Protein backbone atom coordinates (compact mmCIF):
# COMPACT_ATOMS: atom_id res chain seq x y z
CA MET A 1 112.34 80.26 120.08
CA ARG A 2 108.98 82.17 120.46
CA ARG A 3 105.85 80.49 119.31
CA ALA A 4 103.48 83.38 117.70
CA ILE A 5 100.14 84.03 119.23
CA ASP A 6 96.99 82.34 116.88
CA GLU A 7 95.67 85.79 116.01
CA ALA A 8 92.75 84.58 113.42
CA GLY A 9 89.41 85.34 113.74
CA ASN A 10 90.74 89.16 116.06
CA ARG A 11 89.42 92.20 115.08
CA TYR A 12 92.28 95.21 115.08
CA GLY A 13 90.23 98.69 114.45
CA MET A 14 88.92 97.92 110.87
CA LEU A 15 90.66 94.74 110.43
CA THR A 16 89.64 91.12 110.83
CA VAL A 17 92.37 88.81 111.03
CA ILE A 18 92.04 85.77 108.29
CA GLU A 19 95.07 83.58 108.67
CA ARG A 20 98.55 83.21 108.78
CA THR A 21 101.06 83.99 105.89
CA TYR A 22 104.52 83.60 105.14
CA PRO A 23 105.74 86.38 102.59
CA ARG A 24 109.19 86.04 100.61
CA GLY A 25 111.49 88.51 101.65
CA HIS A 26 110.10 89.94 104.92
CA ARG A 27 111.96 89.98 108.01
CA ALA A 28 111.49 87.43 110.71
CA GLY A 29 107.62 86.82 112.73
CA ALA A 30 104.52 86.54 112.13
CA TYR A 31 102.33 87.92 109.20
CA TRP A 32 98.57 88.02 109.15
CA LEU A 33 96.30 87.96 106.19
CA CYS A 34 93.51 90.24 107.51
CA GLU A 35 90.24 91.71 105.31
CA CYS A 36 89.16 95.46 105.71
CA ASP A 37 86.22 97.03 106.59
CA CYS A 38 86.24 98.14 102.80
CA GLY A 39 86.65 94.62 101.12
CA ASN A 40 90.61 95.08 100.53
CA ARG A 41 92.88 92.58 101.95
CA VAL A 42 96.08 93.32 103.20
CA ILE A 43 99.59 91.42 105.05
CA VAL A 44 100.11 92.95 108.36
CA PHE A 45 103.34 92.17 110.95
CA GLY A 46 101.75 90.64 113.76
CA GLY A 47 103.49 93.47 116.26
CA ASN A 48 101.89 96.05 114.34
CA LEU A 49 98.45 94.77 114.56
CA ARG A 50 98.96 94.26 118.56
CA SER A 51 100.65 97.83 119.10
CA GLY A 52 97.50 99.38 117.40
CA ASN A 53 100.53 101.13 114.38
CA THR A 54 98.12 99.14 111.88
CA THR A 55 94.31 99.59 112.11
CA SER A 56 93.01 99.56 108.38
CA CYS A 57 94.26 98.95 104.85
CA GLY A 58 94.94 102.40 104.39
CA CYS A 59 91.62 103.37 103.41
CA ASN A 60 91.25 105.65 106.59
CA LYS A 61 94.02 107.34 106.02
CA ASN A 62 92.91 108.38 102.82
CA ARG A 63 89.14 108.92 104.33
CA ARG A 64 90.33 111.45 106.89
CA LYS A 65 92.82 113.14 104.42
CA THR A 66 89.36 113.78 101.82
CA ARG A 67 87.65 114.98 104.99
CA TRP A 68 90.06 117.56 106.17
CA ASN A 69 90.45 118.94 102.49
CA PHE A 70 86.71 119.53 101.87
CA ARG A 71 86.20 121.13 105.41
CA ARG A 72 89.50 123.19 104.63
CA ALA A 73 87.94 124.25 100.98
CA ASN A 74 84.84 125.39 102.61
CA GLU A 75 85.60 127.08 105.45
CA PRO A 76 84.58 130.75 105.60
CA GLU A 77 87.23 133.05 103.98
CA GLN A 78 88.77 135.14 106.94
CA ASN A 79 89.00 139.09 106.72
CA ALA A 80 91.92 140.39 108.27
């Protein structure tokens, strides 16, 4: 049986790992309670942290989408 790597205190993208948690109804493996730079807390699978699949609570995705929509709405008209 593999031992979980202690991730407490580590930082992955915008997430800081606080402690290991054991959510019910999830597949086997190590889950971690993390705090995002924006202040939200999220539970993340350890493999997703280490691989880089999860780097924020979701706020980063929303921020990028807002910026893209702003640029698209404010770009000059292209007359063909």
